[in-house]
PDB file of N, CA and C in Angstrom:
ATOM      1  N   MET A   1       0.853  -1.168   0.000  1.00  0.00           N
ATOM      2  CA  MET A   1       0.000   0.000   0.000  1.00  0.00           C
ATOM      3  C   MET A   1       0.899   1.231   0.000  1.00  0.00           C
ATOM      4  N   ALA A   2       0.631   2.169  -0.907  1.00  0.00           N
ATOM      5  CA  ALA A   2       1.431   3.387  -0.997  1.00  0.00           C
ATOM      6  C   ALA A   2       0.675   4.521  -0.322  1.00  0.00           C
ATOM      7  N   PHE A   3       1.428   5.417   0.292  1.00  0.00           N
ATOM      8  CA  PHE A   3       0.830   6.597   0.921  1.00  0.00           C
ATOM      9  C   PHE A   3       0.882   7.767  -0.046  1.00  0.00           C
ATOM     10  N   ILE A   4      -0.238   8.393  -0.205  1.00  0.00           N
ATOM     11  CA  ILE A   4      -0.313   9.571  -1.069  1.00  0.00           C
ATOM     12  C   ILE A   4      -0.441  10.778  -0.150  1.00  0.00           C
ATOM     13  N   PRO A   5       0.492  11.721  -0.248  1.00  0.00           N
ATOM     14  CA  PRO A   5       0.404  12.895   0.627  1.00  0.00           C
ATOM     15  C   PRO A   5      -0.855  13.711   0.312  1.00  0.00           C
ATOM     16  N   LEU A   6      -1.503  14.177   1.337  1.00  0.00           N
ATOM     17  CA  LEU A   6      -2.712  14.973   1.208  1.00  0.00           C
ATOM     18  C   LEU A   6      -2.401  16.369   1.726  1.00  0.00           C
ATOM     19  N   VAL A   7      -2.581  17.346   0.889  1.00  0.00           N
ATOM     20  CA  VAL A   7      -2.304  18.727   1.268  1.00  0.00           C
ATOM     21  C   VAL A   7      -3.636  19.454   1.382  1.00  0.00           C
ATOM     22  N   ILE A   8      -3.853  20.061   2.515  1.00  0.00           N
ATOM     23  CA  ILE A   8      -5.094  20.815   2.741  1.00  0.00           C
ATOM     24  C   ILE A   8      -4.709  22.263   2.993  1.00  0.00           C
ATOM     25  N   ASN A   9      -5.282  23.140   2.218  1.00  0.00           N
ATOM     26  CA  ASN A   9      -5.047  24.561   2.402  1.00  0.00           C
ATOM     27  C   ASN A   9      -6.173  25.100   3.273  1.00  0.00           C
ATOM     28  N   VAL A  10      -5.889  25.305   4.557  1.00  0.00           N
ATOM     29  CA  VAL A  10      -6.945  25.725   5.482  1.00  0.00           C
ATOM     30  C   VAL A  10      -7.344  27.173   5.289  1.00  0.00           C
ATOM     31  N   GLY A  11      -6.556  27.926   4.565  1.00  0.00           N
ATOM     32  CA  GLY A  11      -6.908  29.327   4.330  1.00  0.00           C
ATOM     33  C   GLY A  11      -8.228  29.477   3.619  1.00  0.00           C
ATOM     34  N   HIS A  12      -8.584  28.538   2.774  1.00  0.00           N
ATOM     35  CA  HIS A  12      -9.849  28.623   2.042  1.00  0.00           C
ATOM     36  C   HIS A  12     -11.036  28.198   2.891  1.00  0.00           C
ATOM     37  N   CYS A  13     -10.777  27.579   4.022  1.00  0.00           N
ATOM     38  CA  CYS A  13     -11.865  27.106   4.871  1.00  0.00           C
ATOM     39  C   CYS A  13     -12.280  28.134   5.906  1.00  0.00           C
ATOM     40  N   GLN A  14     -11.492  29.189   6.041  1.00  0.00           N
ATOM     41  CA  GLN A  14     -11.796  30.192   7.052  1.00  0.00           C
ATOM     42  C   GLN A  14     -12.938  31.084   6.587  1.00  0.00           C
ATOM     43  N   LYS A  15     -13.697  31.548   7.538  1.00  0.00           N
ATOM     44  CA  LYS A  15     -14.774  32.480   7.225  1.00  0.00           C
ATOM     45  C   LYS A  15     -14.158  33.816   6.831  1.00  0.00           C
ATOM     46  N   PRO A  16     -14.761  34.513   5.894  1.00  0.00           N
ATOM     47  CA  PRO A  16     -14.221  35.826   5.541  1.00  0.00           C
ATOM     48  C   PRO A  16     -14.348  36.780   6.723  1.00  0.00           C
ATOM     49  N   ALA A  17     -13.423  37.707   6.802  1.00  0.00           N
ATOM     50  CA  ALA A  17     -13.465  38.687   7.891  1.00  0.00           C
ATOM     51  C   ALA A  17     -14.756  39.484   7.787  1.00  0.00           C
ATOM     52  N   ALA A  18     -15.372  39.748   8.920  1.00  0.00           N
ATOM     53  CA  ALA A  18     -16.618  40.516   8.935  1.00  0.00           C
ATOM     54  C   ALA A  18     -16.326  41.943   8.505  1.00  0.00           C
ATOM     55  N   GLU A  19     -17.208  42.490   7.702  1.00  0.00           N
ATOM     56  CA  GLU A  19     -17.050  43.871   7.259  1.00  0.00           C
ATOM     57  C   GLU A  19     -17.266  44.784   8.453  1.00  0.00           C
ATOM     58  N   GLU A  20     -16.389  45.782   8.587  1.00  0.00           N
ATOM     59  CA  GLU A  20     -16.538  46.706   9.701  1.00  0.00           C
ATOM     60  C   GLU A  20     -17.853  47.467   9.540  1.00  0.00           C
ATOM     61  N   PRO A  21     -18.565  47.656  10.636  1.00  0.00           N
ATOM     62  CA  PRO A  21     -19.816  48.410  10.526  1.00  0.00           C
ATOM     63  C   PRO A  21     -19.523  49.852  10.107  1.00  0.00           C
ATOM     64  N   LYS A  22     -20.376  50.383   9.258  1.00  0.00           N
ATOM     65  CA  LYS A  22     -20.209  51.749   8.778  1.00  0.00           C
ATOM     66  C   LYS A  22     -20.771  52.706   9.809  1.00  0.00           C
ATOM     67  N   GLU A  23     -20.036  53.758  10.078  1.00  0.00           N
ATOM     68  CA  GLU A  23     -20.551  54.789  10.971  1.00  0.00           C
ATOM     69  C   GLU A  23     -21.465  55.695  10.149  1.00  0.00           C
ATOM     70  N   ILE A  24     -22.753  55.627  10.425  1.00  0.00           N
ATOM     71  CA  ILE A  24     -23.743  56.405   9.680  1.00  0.00           C
ATOM     72  C   ILE A  24     -23.876  57.778  10.335  1.00  0.00           C
ATOM     73  N   LYS A  25     -23.764  58.815   9.514  1.00  0.00           N
ATOM     74  CA  LYS A  25     -23.894  60.192   9.993  1.00  0.00           C
ATOM     75  C   LYS A  25     -25.104  60.812   9.304  1.00  0.00           C
ATOM     76  N   ARG A  26     -25.486  61.989   9.777  1.00  0.00           N
ATOM     77  CA  ARG A  26     -26.680  62.632   9.233  1.00  0.00           C
ATOM     78  C   ARG A  26     -26.396  64.104   8.986  1.00  0.00           C
ATOM     79  N   LEU A  27     -26.938  64.614   7.901  1.00  0.00           N
ATOM     80  CA  LEU A  27     -26.857  66.056   7.663  1.00  0.00           C
ATOM     81  C   LEU A  27     -28.193  66.561   7.147  1.00  0.00           C
ATOM     82  N   PHE A  28     -28.450  67.825   7.465  1.00  0.00           N
ATOM     83  CA  PHE A  28     -29.651  68.517   7.019  1.00  0.00           C
ATOM     84  C   PHE A  28     -29.196  69.601   6.054  1.00  0.00           C
ATOM     85  N   GLY A  29     -29.902  69.776   4.948  1.00  0.00           N
ATOM     86  CA  GLY A  29     -29.495  70.823   4.024  1.00  0.00           C
ATOM     87  C   GLY A  29     -30.481  71.046   2.910  1.00  0.00           C
ATOM     88  N   THR A  30     -30.014  71.843   1.944  1.00  0.00           N
ATOM     89  CA  THR A  30     -30.814  72.212   0.786  1.00  0.00           C
ATOM     90  C   THR A  30     -30.097  71.734  -0.468  1.00  0.00           C
ATOM     91  N   VAL A  31     -30.835  71.143  -1.384  1.00  0.00           N
ATOM     92  CA  VAL A  31     -30.244  70.611  -2.611  1.00  0.00           C
ATOM     93  C   VAL A  31     -29.792  71.767  -3.505  1.00  0.00           C
ATOM     94  N   ALA A  32     -28.506  71.762  -3.874  1.00  0.00           N
ATOM     95  CA  ALA A  32     -27.949  72.772  -4.765  1.00  0.00           C
ATOM     96  C   ALA A  32     -27.775  72.237  -6.177  1.00  0.00           C
ATOM     97  N   LYS A  33     -27.662  70.906  -6.306  1.00  0.00           N
ATOM     98  CA  LYS A  33     -27.443  70.304  -7.625  1.00  0.00           C
ATOM     99  C   LYS A  33     -27.829  68.835  -7.574  1.00  0.00           C
ATOM    100  N   VAL A  34     -28.441  68.344  -8.648  1.00  0.00           N
ATOM    101  CA  VAL A  34     -28.733  66.919  -8.802  1.00  0.00           C
ATOM    102  C   VAL A  34     -28.022  66.474 -10.076  1.00  0.00           C
ATOM    103  N   GLU A  35     -27.145  65.491  -9.944  1.00  0.00           N
ATOM    104  CA  GLU A  35     -26.360  64.992 -11.074  1.00  0.00           C
ATOM    105  C   GLU A  35     -26.817  63.576 -11.400  1.00  0.00           C
ATOM    106  N   PHE A  36     -27.592  63.429 -12.474  1.00  0.00           N
ATOM    107  CA  PHE A  36     -28.156  62.124 -12.825  1.00  0.00           C
ATOM    108  C   PHE A  36     -27.105  61.181 -13.397  1.00  0.00           C
ATOM    109  N   VAL A  37     -26.220  61.697 -14.245  1.00  0.00           N
ATOM    110  CA  VAL A  37     -25.208  60.854 -14.882  1.00  0.00           C
ATOM    111  C   VAL A  37     -24.247  60.285 -13.842  1.00  0.00           C
ATOM    112  N   MET A  38     -23.814  61.111 -12.898  1.00  0.00           N
ATOM    113  CA  MET A  38     -22.873  60.681 -11.866  1.00  0.00           C
ATOM    114  C   MET A  38     -23.584  60.114 -10.638  1.00  0.00           C
ATOM    115  N   SER A  39     -24.897  60.145 -10.639  1.00  0.00           N
ATOM    116  CA  SER A  39     -25.712  59.673  -9.508  1.00  0.00           C
ATOM    117  C   SER A  39     -25.233  60.290  -8.196  1.00  0.00           C
ATOM    118  N   SER A  40     -25.382  61.598  -8.113  1.00  0.00           N
ATOM    119  CA  SER A  40     -24.986  62.302  -6.896  1.00  0.00           C
ATOM    120  C   SER A  40     -25.848  63.550  -6.720  1.00  0.00           C
ATOM    121  N   ILE A  41     -25.807  64.061  -5.511  1.00  0.00           N
ATOM    122  CA  ILE A  41     -26.447  65.342  -5.234  1.00  0.00           C
ATOM    123  C   ILE A  41     -25.441  66.222  -4.506  1.00  0.00           C
ATOM    124  N   MET A  42     -25.603  67.534  -4.663  1.00  0.00           N
ATOM    125  CA  MET A  42     -24.814  68.488  -3.900  1.00  0.00           C
ATOM    126  C   MET A  42     -25.770  69.150  -2.919  1.00  0.00           C
ATOM    127  N   VAL A  43     -25.374  69.154  -1.661  1.00  0.00           N
ATOM    128  CA  VAL A  43     -26.220  69.706  -0.613  1.00  0.00           C
ATOM    129  C   VAL A  43     -25.485  70.852   0.076  1.00  0.00           C
ATOM    130  N   ILE A  44     -26.206  71.952   0.314  1.00  0.00           N
ATOM    131  CA  ILE A  44     -25.665  73.054   1.110  1.00  0.00           C
ATOM    132  C   ILE A  44     -26.092  72.802   2.543  1.00  0.00           C
ATOM    133  N   CYS A  45     -25.115  72.709   3.440  1.00  0.00           N
ATOM    134  CA  CYS A  45     -25.428  72.450   4.846  1.00  0.00           C
ATOM    135  C   CYS A  45     -24.531  73.320   5.729  1.00  0.00           C
ATOM    136  N   ASP A  46     -24.540  73.083   7.035  1.00  0.00           N
ATOM    137  CA  ASP A  46     -23.781  73.900   7.972  1.00  0.00           C
ATOM    138  C   ASP A  46     -22.294  73.975   7.652  1.00  0.00           C
ATOM    139  N   PHE A  47     -21.717  72.917   7.089  1.00  0.00           N
ATOM    140  CA  PHE A  47     -20.281  72.960   6.795  1.00  0.00           C
ATOM    141  C   PHE A  47     -19.981  73.146   5.313  1.00  0.00           C
ATOM    142  N   GLY A  48     -20.882  73.796   4.581  1.00  0.00           N
ATOM    143  CA  GLY A  48     -20.640  74.165   3.196  1.00  0.00           C
ATOM    144  C   GLY A  48     -21.344  73.281   2.187  1.00  0.00           C
ATOM    145  N   TYR A  49     -20.752  73.208   0.996  1.00  0.00           N
ATOM    146  CA  TYR A  49     -21.284  72.385  -0.084  1.00  0.00           C
ATOM    147  C   TYR A  49     -20.702  70.979   0.030  1.00  0.00           C
ATOM    148  N   VAL A  50     -21.567  69.967  -0.039  1.00  0.00           N
ATOM    149  CA  VAL A  50     -21.131  68.580   0.080  1.00  0.00           C
ATOM    150  C   VAL A  50     -21.698  67.784  -1.089  1.00  0.00           C
ATOM    151  N   ASN A  51     -20.811  67.087  -1.817  1.00  0.00           N
ATOM    152  CA  ASN A  51     -21.248  66.175  -2.876  1.00  0.00           C
ATOM    153  C   ASN A  51     -21.460  64.802  -2.269  1.00  0.00           C
ATOM    154  N   ILE A  52     -22.610  64.209  -2.516  1.00  0.00           N
ATOM    155  CA  ILE A  52     -22.962  62.922  -1.925  1.00  0.00           C
ATOM    156  C   ILE A  52     -23.326  61.950  -3.042  1.00  0.00           C
ATOM    157  N   ASP A  53     -22.646  60.801  -3.075  1.00  0.00           N
ATOM    158  CA  ASP A  53     -22.943  59.770  -4.067  1.00  0.00           C
ATOM    159  C   ASP A  53     -24.253  59.072  -3.719  1.00  0.00           C
ATOM    160  N   VAL A  54     -25.047  58.794  -4.738  1.00  0.00           N
ATOM    161  CA  VAL A  54     -26.310  58.068  -4.585  1.00  0.00           C
ATOM    162  C   VAL A  54     -26.131  56.729  -5.303  1.00  0.00           C
ATOM    163  N   THR A  55     -26.294  55.630  -4.573  1.00  0.00           N
ATOM    164  CA  THR A  55     -26.106  54.301  -5.156  1.00  0.00           C
ATOM    165  C   THR A  55     -27.460  53.632  -5.397  1.00  0.00           C
ATOM    166  N   ASP A  56     -27.413  52.451  -5.987  1.00  0.00           N
ATOM    167  CA  ASP A  56     -28.647  51.684  -6.186  1.00  0.00           C
ATOM    168  C   ASP A  56     -29.274  51.287  -4.857  1.00  0.00           C
ATOM    169  N   ALA A  57     -28.459  51.230  -3.811  1.00  0.00           N
ATOM    170  CA  ALA A  57     -28.958  50.837  -2.490  1.00  0.00           C
ATOM    171  C   ALA A  57     -29.530  52.016  -1.698  1.00  0.00           C
ATOM    172  N   THR A  58     -29.303  53.246  -2.163  1.00  0.00           N
ATOM    173  CA  THR A  58     -29.805  54.427  -1.460  1.00  0.00           C
ATOM    174  C   THR A  58     -31.333  54.466  -1.533  1.00  0.00           C
ATOM    175  N   VAL A  59     -31.962  54.659  -0.391  1.00  0.00           N
ATOM    176  CA  VAL A  59     -33.425  54.765  -0.321  1.00  0.00           C
ATOM    177  C   VAL A  59     -33.777  56.249  -0.289  1.00  0.00           C
ATOM    178  N   ILE A  60     -34.578  56.690  -1.267  1.00  0.00           N
ATOM    179  CA  ILE A  60     -34.986  58.096  -1.352  1.00  0.00           C
ATOM    180  C   ILE A  60     -36.489  58.163  -1.124  1.00  0.00           C
ATOM    181  N   THR A  61     -36.904  58.991  -0.158  1.00  0.00           N
ATOM    182  CA  THR A  61     -38.326  59.081   0.168  1.00  0.00           C
ATOM    183  C   THR A  61     -38.784  60.534   0.235  1.00  0.00           C
ATOM    184  N   ARG A  62     -40.088  60.695   0.032  1.00  0.00           N
ATOM    185  CA  ARG A  62     -40.770  61.971   0.262  1.00  0.00           C
ATOM    186  C   ARG A  62     -42.129  61.602   0.831  1.00  0.00           C
ATOM    187  N   GLY A  63     -42.463  62.170   1.969  1.00  0.00           N
ATOM    188  CA  GLY A  63     -43.715  61.790   2.620  1.00  0.00           C
ATOM    189  C   GLY A  63     -43.639  60.328   3.010  1.00  0.00           C
ATOM    190  N   SER A  64     -44.643  59.547   2.652  1.00  0.00           N
ATOM    191  CA  SER A  64     -44.642  58.127   3.008  1.00  0.00           C
ATOM    192  C   SER A  64     -44.223  57.236   1.841  1.00  0.00           C
ATOM    193  N   GLY A  65     -43.849  57.860   0.709  1.00  0.00           N
ATOM    194  CA  GLY A  65     -43.520  57.047  -0.457  1.00  0.00           C
ATOM    195  C   GLY A  65     -42.077  57.164  -0.900  1.00  0.00           C
ATOM    196  N   GLN A  66     -41.642  56.179  -1.648  1.00  0.00           N
ATOM    197  CA  GLN A  66     -40.301  56.178  -2.199  1.00  0.00           C
ATOM    198  C   GLN A  66     -40.324  56.915  -3.538  1.00  0.00           C
ATOM    199  N   ILE A  67     -39.264  57.694  -3.807  1.00  0.00           N
ATOM    200  CA  ILE A  67     -39.160  58.436  -5.059  1.00  0.00           C
ATOM    201  C   ILE A  67     -37.819  58.133  -5.721  1.00  0.00           C
ATOM    202  N   ALA A  68     -37.682  58.557  -6.967  1.00  0.00           N
ATOM    203  CA  ALA A  68     -36.437  58.375  -7.710  1.00  0.00           C
ATOM    204  C   ALA A  68     -35.571  59.630  -7.583  1.00  0.00           C
ATOM    205  N   LEU A  69     -34.292  59.478  -7.895  1.00  0.00           N
ATOM    206  CA  LEU A  69     -33.353  60.600  -7.827  1.00  0.00           C
ATOM    207  C   LEU A  69     -33.826  61.768  -8.686  1.00  0.00           C
ATOM    208  N   ASP A  70     -34.402  61.482  -9.849  1.00  0.00           N
ATOM    209  CA  ASP A  70     -34.824  62.570 -10.739  1.00  0.00           C
ATOM    210  C   ASP A  70     -36.060  63.319 -10.238  1.00  0.00           C
ATOM    211  N   GLU A  71     -36.639  62.888  -9.130  1.00  0.00           N
ATOM    212  CA  GLU A  71     -37.770  63.600  -8.538  1.00  0.00           C
ATOM    213  C   GLU A  71     -37.335  64.605  -7.478  1.00  0.00           C
ATOM    214  N   ILE A  72     -36.050  64.626  -7.169  1.00  0.00           N
ATOM    215  CA  ILE A  72     -35.516  65.625  -6.238  1.00  0.00           C
ATOM    216  C   ILE A  72     -35.251  66.890  -7.031  1.00  0.00           C
ATOM    217  N   ASP A  73     -35.721  68.021  -6.514  1.00  0.00           N
ATOM    218  CA  ASP A  73     -35.563  69.302  -7.198  1.00  0.00           C
ATOM    219  C   ASP A  73     -34.574  70.194  -6.464  1.00  0.00           C
ATOM    220  N   LEU A  74     -34.036  71.164  -7.197  1.00  0.00           N
ATOM    221  CA  LEU A  74     -33.169  72.164  -6.584  1.00  0.00           C
ATOM    222  C   LEU A  74     -33.948  72.889  -5.488  1.00  0.00           C
ATOM    223  N   GLU A  75     -33.263  73.204  -4.422  1.00  0.00           N
ATOM    224  CA  GLU A  75     -33.804  73.920  -3.265  1.00  0.00           C
ATOM    225  C   GLU A  75     -34.722  73.076  -2.401  1.00  0.00           C
ATOM    226  N   ASP A  76     -34.854  71.773  -2.684  1.00  0.00           N
ATOM    227  CA  ASP A  76     -35.597  70.900  -1.769  1.00  0.00           C
ATOM    228  C   ASP A  76     -34.811  70.771  -0.468  1.00  0.00           C
ATOM    229  N   SER A  77     -35.520  70.712   0.629  1.00  0.00           N
ATOM    230  CA  SER A  77     -34.894  70.448   1.931  1.00  0.00           C
ATOM    231  C   SER A  77     -34.761  68.944   2.090  1.00  0.00           C
ATOM    232  N   VAL A  78     -33.569  68.498   2.476  1.00  0.00           N
ATOM    233  CA  VAL A  78     -33.331  67.059   2.597  1.00  0.00           C
ATOM    234  C   VAL A  78     -32.612  66.728   3.907  1.00  0.00           C
ATOM    235  N   ILE A  79     -32.842  65.497   4.334  1.00  0.00           N
ATOM    236  CA  ILE A  79     -32.090  64.898   5.443  1.00  0.00           C
ATOM    237  C   ILE A  79     -31.379  63.706   4.820  1.00  0.00           C
ATOM    238  N   VAL A  80     -30.056  63.692   4.927  1.00  0.00           N
ATOM    239  CA  VAL A  80     -29.265  62.638   4.303  1.00  0.00           C
ATOM    240  C   VAL A  80     -28.547  61.835   5.376  1.00  0.00           C
ATOM    241  N   HIS A  81     -28.742  60.529   5.372  1.00  0.00           N
ATOM    242  CA  HIS A  81     -27.960  59.617   6.203  1.00  0.00           C
ATOM    243  C   HIS A  81     -26.872  59.064   5.285  1.00  0.00           C
ATOM    244  N   TYR A  82     -25.618  59.186   5.714  1.00  0.00           N
ATOM    245  CA  TYR A  82     -24.505  58.831   4.836  1.00  0.00           C
ATOM    246  C   TYR A  82     -23.369  58.216   5.633  1.00  0.00           C
ATOM    247  N   TYR A  83     -22.393  57.681   4.909  1.00  0.00           N
ATOM    248  CA  TYR A  83     -21.160  57.203   5.535  1.00  0.00           C
ATOM    249  C   TYR A  83     -19.978  57.650   4.685  1.00  0.00           C
ATOM    250  N   ASN A  84     -18.791  57.632   5.300  1.00  0.00           N
ATOM    251  CA  ASN A  84     -17.552  58.031   4.639  1.00  0.00           C
ATOM    252  C   ASN A  84     -16.665  56.808   4.431  1.00  0.00           C
ATOM    253  N   PRO A  85     -16.674  56.200   3.237  1.00  0.00           N
ATOM    254  CA  PRO A  85     -15.796  55.049   3.024  1.00  0.00           C
ATOM    255  C   PRO A  85     -14.323  55.451   2.972  1.00  0.00           C
ATOM    256  N   GLU A  86     -14.073  56.730   2.669  1.00  0.00           N
ATOM    257  CA  GLU A  86     -12.710  57.259   2.642  1.00  0.00           C
ATOM    258  C   GLU A  86     -12.815  58.770   2.803  1.00  0.00           C
ATOM    259  N   PRO A  87     -11.729  59.425   3.215  1.00  0.00           N
ATOM    260  CA  PRO A  87     -11.789  60.880   3.413  1.00  0.00           C
ATOM    261  C   PRO A  87     -12.243  61.616   2.151  1.00  0.00           C
ATOM    262  N   GLY A  88     -13.189  62.518   2.319  1.00  0.00           N
ATOM    263  CA  GLY A  88     -13.685  63.316   1.211  1.00  0.00           C
ATOM    264  C   GLY A  88     -14.747  62.654   0.352  1.00  0.00           C
ATOM    265  N   LYS A  89     -15.097  61.426   0.654  1.00  0.00           N
ATOM    266  CA  LYS A  89     -16.125  60.707  -0.122  1.00  0.00           C
ATOM    267  C   LYS A  89     -17.319  60.454   0.795  1.00  0.00           C
ATOM    268  N   TYR A  90     -18.507  60.792   0.309  1.00  0.00           N
ATOM    269  CA  TYR A  90     -19.737  60.624   1.067  1.00  0.00           C
ATOM    270  C   TYR A  90     -20.702  59.783   0.243  1.00  0.00           C
ATOM    271  N   VAL A  91     -21.271  58.753   0.856  1.00  0.00           N
ATOM    272  CA  VAL A  91     -22.202  57.865   0.168  1.00  0.00           C
ATOM    273  C   VAL A  91     -23.517  57.850   0.934  1.00  0.00           C
ATOM    274  N   ALA A  92     -24.607  58.157   0.248  1.00  0.00           N
ATOM    275  CA  ALA A  92     -25.923  58.221   0.891  1.00  0.00           C
ATOM    276  C   ALA A  92     -26.475  56.824   1.146  1.00  0.00           C
ATOM    277  N   VAL A  93     -26.936  56.617   2.369  1.00  0.00           N
ATOM    278  CA  VAL A  93     -27.693  55.410   2.715  1.00  0.00           C
ATOM    279  C   VAL A  93     -29.165  55.689   2.462  1.00  0.00           C
ATOM    280  N   SER A  94     -29.599  56.882   2.884  1.00  0.00           N
ATOM    281  CA  SER A  94     -30.977  57.294   2.640  1.00  0.00           C
ATOM    282  C   SER A  94     -31.034  58.806   2.480  1.00  0.00           C
ATOM    283  N   ILE A  95     -32.018  59.242   1.694  1.00  0.00           N
ATOM    284  CA  ILE A  95     -32.279  60.674   1.505  1.00  0.00           C
ATOM    285  C   ILE A  95     -33.769  60.864   1.728  1.00  0.00           C
ATOM    286  N   ARG A  96     -34.096  61.762   2.643  1.00  0.00           N
ATOM    287  CA  ARG A  96     -35.504  62.078   2.882  1.00  0.00           C
ATOM    288  C   ARG A  96     -35.743  63.493   2.403  1.00  0.00           C
ATOM    289  N   ASP A  97     -36.567  63.617   1.377  1.00  0.00           N
ATOM    290  CA  ASP A  97     -36.915  64.931   0.839  1.00  0.00           C
ATOM    291  C   ASP A  97     -38.043  65.474   1.709  1.00  0.00           C
ATOM    292  N   SER A  98     -37.756  66.521   2.457  1.00  0.00           N
ATOM    293  CA  SER A  98     -38.725  67.075   3.413  1.00  0.00           C
ATOM    294  C   SER A  98     -39.675  68.066   2.770  1.00  0.00           C
ATOM    295  N   THR A  99     -39.468  68.370   1.507  1.00  0.00           N
ATOM    296  CA  THR A  99     -40.323  69.330   0.818  1.00  0.00           C
ATOM    297  C   THR A  99     -41.670  68.678   0.544  1.00  0.00           C
ATOM    298  N   THR A 100     -42.728  69.309   1.008  1.00  0.00           N
ATOM    299  CA  THR A 100     -44.052  68.689   0.883  1.00  0.00           C
ATOM    300  C   THR A 100     -44.889  69.299  -0.244  1.00  0.00           C
ATOM    301  N   GLU A 101     -44.635  70.534  -0.607  1.00  0.00           N
ATOM    302  CA  GLU A 101     -45.437  71.183  -1.656  1.00  0.00           C
ATOM    303  C   GLU A 101     -44.843  70.867  -3.011  1.00  0.00           C
ATOM    304  N   LYS A 102     -45.471  69.932  -3.736  1.00  0.00           N
ATOM    305  CA  LYS A 102     -45.018  69.547  -5.085  1.00  0.00           C
ATOM    306  C   LYS A 102     -46.169  69.584  -6.043  1.00  0.00           C
TER     307      LYS A 102
END
């Protein structure tokens, strides 16, 4: 009987490292620009103009319903929940358009 060496790479059996939880922040402001091609909005808030990326996962609401990015208008009041994946980059988790008169 011959012995055949068996090599097991345990690195592939390990669970992937858990993704660090994102620190969600909030800002209140007024929409200065809506960029459909780049999927972003610019908001004027207490610390100036902020460009915020809008992803497919971003939930945008007005009142009790969900709306699309192209339904946000200039000068709408918004509340944005976002995170910073890297310095200077802001990604929206949710955008609530507080403007009720449409």
